Amino acid sequence: MKIHKIEARDLPDLWFQAVHDILDYGRRFVVDRGSYAGQTRLEYDYFIGHVTYPGSRPLIPDIPPSCGIPNPVEEAYIYGGEGYNRSYIEYLMTSRKEPSESYTYGERLTKVPIEGDKLKWWKENIGEIIDRREVDGKIVFEEQGVLYLNQIEWVIDTYKRFGERNNQMVLQVAHPSDLTLIDPPCLRAIDTRIQDGKLHFSSVLFRSWDLWSGLPANLAGIQTLKEYMASEIGVEDGEMIVESKGLHLYGYAEDLARLRCMKM
């Protein structure tokens, strides 16, 4: 297994290098199951990207007009605009979920039910096991008799209360029961770290990841989330490390990638 590593200055740089390199180093597979079953794709064995200035603008790729191809993601898709009834930021940072959706990242991050043994320990206020906090309507809130946790606000509050050297602050997206889903979440977790006065997302883990349009949209949204959290904590925005065992380029996008990289 080959681990492909990229050092990038900003998010568009990461995207371009990853697109450029996958044409040379990606392995061609047939998709056995999922959204594109039966199609071929180029895929890295394992991918790690380190971005030193992920907050540099623009956050999405800037395609030269001479390439004659559209941008893989529109800014209106990220922040909202004509043709989109929900922005990606809303999908990532709010609990809104449509009846047809089995999950959203935002629901997983901002509306997590406290249940089972954890709820029992919470109610019994067993301090040696559970970090019980007040039901404030923001970090912990109640709806229709169910107690919920907002992970984003919990992490912010914990850093503000207890300081920077804390290795517990991981934003969890994956559930063990996701194995039962036909299409489980691609984003699994976002690990956080404060170091040198900056909030870093030290591991943004995707199980499977569409390189052409998914990566730039996802990371623009995740960077916006990081900037919000850093501002609320009172630290500077920091670096980002991303990884995936399934960063890939679908067949339909391969010709577009060759045009962008001038590898026809």
Protein backbone atom coordinates (compact mmCIF):
# COMPACT_ATOMS: atom_id res chain seq x y z
CA MET A 1 0.00 0.00 0.00
CA LYS A 2 1.40 3.38 -1.04
CA ILE A 3 0.74 6.39 1.18
CA HIS A 4 0.57 9.53 -0.96
CA LYS A 5 1.41 12.72 0.94
CA ILE A 6 0.96 16.31 -0.21
CA GLU A 7 2.17 19.52 1.43
CA ALA A 8 0.00 22.42 0.31
CA ARG A 9 -0.17 26.11 1.06
CA ASP A 10 -3.95 26.49 0.79
CA LEU A 11 -7.06 24.50 -0.14
CA PRO A 12 -6.99 25.20 -3.91
CA ASP A 13 -3.32 24.16 -3.92
CA LEU A 14 -4.18 20.89 -2.15
CA TRP A 15 -6.96 20.18 -4.66
CA PHE A 16 -4.79 20.88 -7.71
CA GLN A 17 -1.86 18.80 -6.49
CA ALA A 18 -4.16 15.90 -5.59
CA VAL A 19 -5.89 16.02 -9.00
CA HIS A 20 -2.55 16.29 -10.80
CA ASP A 21 -0.95 13.40 -8.92
CA ILE A 22 -3.86 10.96 -9.04
CA LEU A 23 -3.56 10.87 -12.83
CA ASP A 24 -0.07 9.42 -12.36
CA TYR A 25 -0.30 7.53 -9.09
CA GLY A 26 -3.95 6.52 -8.74
CA ARG A 27 -4.94 2.89 -9.21
CA ARG A 28 -7.95 2.05 -11.37
CA PHE A 29 -10.73 0.15 -9.65
CA VAL A 30 -14.26 -0.95 -10.48
CA VAL A 31 -16.75 0.23 -7.85
CA ASP A 32 -18.40 -2.85 -6.30
CA ARG A 33 -21.02 -1.14 -4.15
CA GLY A 34 -22.45 2.30 -3.44
CA SER A 35 -23.56 5.33 -5.41
CA TYR A 36 -21.46 4.53 -8.51
CA ALA A 37 -21.47 0.71 -8.52
CA GLY A 38 -20.13 -0.67 -11.80
CA GLN A 39 -18.18 2.44 -12.76
CA THR A 40 -14.41 2.77 -12.71
CA ARG A 41 -12.43 5.28 -10.71
CA LEU A 42 -8.86 6.26 -10.02
CA GLU A 43 -8.08 5.99 -6.32
CA TYR A 44 -5.14 6.58 -4.00
CA ASP A 45 -4.23 3.65 -1.74
CA TYR A 46 -4.08 6.13 1.13
CA PHE A 47 -3.95 9.92 1.02
CA ILE A 48 -2.67 12.48 3.52
CA GLY A 49 -2.71 16.22 2.89
CA HIS A 50 -1.21 18.92 5.11
CA VAL A 51 -2.44 22.47 4.49
CA THR A 52 -0.54 25.24 6.25
CA TYR A 53 -2.81 28.19 5.40
CA PRO A 54 -6.27 26.69 4.77
CA GLY A 55 -7.96 30.02 5.50
CA SER A 56 -6.37 31.79 2.52
CA ARG A 57 -8.98 32.96 0.03
CA PRO A 58 -10.39 31.71 -2.22
CA LEU A 59 -11.32 28.48 -0.44
CA ILE A 60 -12.50 26.78 -3.64
CA PRO A 61 -10.48 26.12 -6.83
CA ASP A 62 -9.91 28.94 -9.29
CA ILE A 63 -10.09 27.46 -12.80
CA PRO A 64 -8.25 29.46 -15.50
CA PRO A 65 -10.65 30.52 -18.29
CA SER A 66 -8.27 29.01 -20.86
CA CYS A 67 -9.13 25.53 -19.56
CA GLY A 68 -12.71 25.90 -20.80
CA ILE A 69 -14.18 23.86 -17.93
CA PRO A 70 -16.50 24.85 -15.07
CA ASN A 71 -15.36 25.17 -11.49
CA PRO A 72 -15.94 21.85 -9.70
CA VAL A 73 -17.95 23.64 -7.01
CA GLU A 74 -19.89 26.90 -7.02
CA GLU A 75 -19.52 29.39 -4.19
CA ALA A 76 -23.32 29.53 -3.96
CA TYR A 77 -23.33 25.82 -3.16
CA ILE A 78 -21.10 26.48 -0.13
CA TYR A 79 -22.68 29.66 1.22
CA GLY A 80 -26.14 29.64 -0.37
CA GLY A 81 -27.53 31.31 -3.43
CA GLU A 82 -29.76 30.96 -6.46
CA GLY A 83 -30.55 27.36 -7.32
CA TYR A 84 -29.79 25.96 -3.87
CA ASN A 85 -32.41 25.53 -1.16
CA ARG A 86 -29.78 24.72 1.45
CA SER A 87 -26.16 25.79 1.65
CA TYR A 88 -23.39 23.35 2.46
CA ILE A 89 -22.63 25.41 5.58
CA GLU A 90 -26.18 24.73 6.78
CA TYR A 91 -25.77 21.02 5.97
CA LEU A 92 -22.56 20.96 8.03
CA MET A 93 -23.37 23.23 10.97
CA THR A 94 -27.12 22.89 11.65
CA SER A 95 -29.36 19.97 12.57
CA ARG A 96 -31.74 20.36 9.62
CA LYS A 97 -32.43 16.97 8.03
CA GLU A 98 -34.95 16.23 5.31
CA PRO A 99 -37.21 13.12 5.53
CA SER A 100 -35.35 11.55 2.59
CA GLU A 101 -31.95 11.88 4.32
CA SER A 102 -30.61 9.11 6.54
CA TYR A 103 -28.17 11.57 8.09
CA THR A 104 -26.53 14.95 7.67
CA TYR A 105 -23.14 15.96 8.99
CA GLY A 106 -24.79 18.85 10.81
CA GLU A 107 -27.29 16.62 12.59
CA ARG A 108 -24.44 14.37 13.73
CA LEU A 109 -22.40 17.35 14.93
CA THR A 110 -25.08 19.52 16.54
CA LYS A 111 -27.89 17.23 17.70
CA VAL A 112 -26.54 14.11 19.37
CA PRO A 113 -28.96 12.33 21.73
CA ILE A 114 -27.60 11.54 25.19
CA GLU A 115 -29.04 8.10 25.89
CA GLY A 116 -28.44 4.68 27.41
CA ASP A 117 -25.88 4.43 30.19
CA LYS A 118 -24.61 7.96 29.50
CA LEU A 119 -28.09 9.38 30.19
CA LYS A 120 -28.37 7.26 33.33
CA TRP A 121 -24.99 8.50 34.61
CA TRP A 122 -25.95 12.06 33.61
CA LYS A 123 -29.18 11.94 35.61
CA GLU A 124 -27.40 10.39 38.58
CA ASN A 125 -24.61 13.01 38.28
CA ILE A 126 -21.82 10.44 38.62
CA GLY A 127 -18.94 12.88 38.35
CA GLU A 128 -16.15 10.29 38.09
CA ILE A 129 -17.70 9.02 34.83
CA ILE A 130 -19.71 11.78 33.20
CA ASP A 131 -18.88 15.45 32.55
CA ARG A 132 -22.31 16.76 33.43
CA ARG A 133 -23.12 20.34 32.42
CA GLU A 134 -26.15 22.55 32.68
CA VAL A 135 -28.92 22.27 30.13
CA ASP A 136 -28.36 25.73 28.66
CA GLY A 137 -30.25 25.40 25.36
CA LYS A 138 -27.07 25.77 23.33
CA ILE A 139 -24.43 23.24 24.38
CA VAL A 140 -26.94 20.84 25.90
CA PHE A 141 -30.63 21.15 25.08
CA GLU A 142 -33.88 19.26 25.43
CA GLU A 143 -36.53 18.62 22.78
CA GLN A 144 -39.68 16.58 23.36
CA GLY A 145 -38.19 15.01 26.47
CA VAL A 146 -34.93 13.99 24.79
CA LEU A 147 -31.59 15.46 25.89
CA TYR A 148 -29.20 16.46 23.09
CA LEU A 149 -25.57 17.55 22.83
CA ASN A 150 -24.15 20.05 20.33
CA GLN A 151 -20.61 18.77 19.75
CA ILE A 152 -19.36 22.00 18.17
CA GLU A 153 -20.45 24.14 21.11
CA TRP A 154 -19.27 21.53 23.64
CA VAL A 155 -15.74 21.55 22.18
CA ILE A 156 -15.67 25.36 22.17
CA ASP A 157 -16.86 25.49 25.78
CA THR A 158 -14.38 22.83 26.93
CA TYR A 159 -11.38 24.64 25.47
CA LYS A 160 -12.55 27.89 27.07
CA ARG A 161 -13.10 26.23 30.46
CA PHE A 162 -10.13 23.91 30.73
CA GLY A 163 -7.41 25.23 28.42
CA GLU A 164 -5.57 24.08 25.34
CA ARG A 165 -3.83 20.81 26.21
CA ASN A 166 -6.77 18.51 25.72
CA ASN A 167 -6.61 15.46 23.46
CA GLN A 168 -10.26 14.49 23.96
CA MET A 169 -11.87 17.09 21.69
CA VAL A 170 -12.86 15.07 18.61
CA LEU A 171 -15.95 15.96 16.57
CA GLN A 172 -17.53 12.56 15.87
CA VAL A 173 -19.63 11.91 12.78
CA ALA A 174 -19.51 8.12 12.53
CA HIS A 175 -21.75 5.76 14.51
CA PRO A 176 -21.05 2.01 14.79
CA SER A 177 -24.57 1.35 13.47
CA ASP A 178 -23.65 3.17 10.21
CA LEU A 179 -22.52 -0.23 8.93
CA THR A 180 -26.22 -0.94 8.34
CA LEU A 181 -26.57 1.98 5.90
CA ILE A 182 -26.26 1.49 2.15
CA ASP A 183 -24.40 4.80 1.93
CA PRO A 184 -22.84 5.62 5.33
CA PRO A 185 -21.24 9.01 6.01
CA CYS A 186 -17.99 9.65 4.16
CA LEU A 187 -16.74 12.06 6.83
CA ARG A 188 -15.96 10.07 9.96
CA ALA A 189 -14.36 12.50 12.40
CA ILE A 190 -12.63 15.86 12.82
CA ASP A 191 -9.90 15.83 15.45
CA THR A 192 -8.96 19.19 16.96
CA ARG A 193 -5.91 20.62 18.66
CA ILE A 194 -4.90 24.03 19.98
CA GLN A 195 -1.20 24.68 19.71
CA ASP A 196 0.82 27.91 19.55
CA GLY A 197 -2.34 29.92 20.02
CA LYS A 198 -4.07 28.43 16.96
CA LEU A 199 -6.91 25.96 16.45
CA HIS A 200 -5.80 23.16 14.14
CA PHE A 201 -7.96 20.45 12.64
CA SER A 202 -5.29 17.80 13.11
CA SER A 203 -7.12 14.94 11.42
CA VAL A 204 -10.10 15.31 9.08
CA LEU A 205 -10.88 11.70 8.18
CA PHE A 206 -12.95 10.58 5.19
CA ARG A 207 -13.56 6.90 4.50
CA SER A 208 -14.37 7.60 0.83
CA TRP A 209 -13.92 10.95 -0.88
CA ASP A 210 -14.75 12.35 -4.30
CA LEU A 211 -11.71 14.37 -5.30
CA TRP A 212 -13.12 16.44 -8.16
CA SER A 213 -16.03 18.20 -6.46
CA GLY A 214 -16.41 16.63 -3.02
CA LEU A 215 -13.03 17.57 -1.57
CA PRO A 216 -13.20 21.30 -2.41
CA ALA A 217 -16.79 21.63 -1.18
CA ASN A 218 -16.18 19.65 2.00
CA LEU A 219 -12.99 21.46 2.95
CA ALA A 220 -14.38 24.93 2.24
CA GLY A 221 -17.20 24.15 4.64
CA ILE A 222 -14.96 22.53 7.24
CA GLN A 223 -12.56 25.49 7.09
CA THR A 224 -15.49 27.85 7.71
CA LEU A 225 -16.45 25.71 10.72
CA LYS A 226 -12.87 25.91 12.02
CA GLU A 227 -12.82 29.70 11.68
CA TYR A 228 -16.08 29.96 13.64
CA MET A 229 -14.75 27.72 16.41
CA ALA A 230 -11.42 29.56 16.62
CA SER A 231 -13.20 32.91 16.89
CA GLU A 232 -15.51 31.64 19.64
CA ILE A 233 -12.62 30.10 21.61
CA GLY A 234 -10.51 33.23 21.20
CA VAL A 235 -7.55 31.77 19.30
CA GLU A 236 -6.23 32.14 15.77
CA ASP A 237 -7.18 29.93 12.85
CA GLY A 238 -4.63 27.17 12.26
CA GLU A 239 -3.60 24.37 9.94
CA MET A 240 -5.44 21.35 8.60
CA ILE A 241 -4.45 17.72 8.05
CA VAL A 242 -6.80 15.58 5.95
CA GLU A 243 -6.69 11.88 5.18
CA SER A 244 -8.64 9.20 3.35
CA LYS A 245 -8.35 5.54 2.40
CA GLY A 246 -10.58 6.26 -0.59
CA LEU A 247 -9.79 9.60 -2.25
CA HIS A 248 -10.83 9.01 -5.84
CA LEU A 249 -11.60 10.49 -9.23
CA TYR A 250 -14.63 9.07 -11.03
CA GLY A 251 -14.43 8.28 -14.71
CA TYR A 252 -16.71 11.17 -15.71
CA ALA A 253 -14.26 13.66 -14.14
CA GLU A 254 -11.04 12.17 -15.48
CA ASP A 255 -11.16 14.06 -18.78
CA LEU A 256 -11.88 17.29 -16.89
CA ALA A 257 -8.91 16.62 -14.63
CA ARG A 258 -6.63 16.06 -17.64
CA LEU A 259 -7.80 19.34 -19.15
CA ARG A 260 -7.14 21.21 -15.91
CA CYS A 261 -3.67 19.67 -15.54
CA MET A 262 -2.87 19.85 -19.28
CA LYS A 263 -2.27 16.09 -19.42
CA MET A 264 -4.38 15.21 -22.47
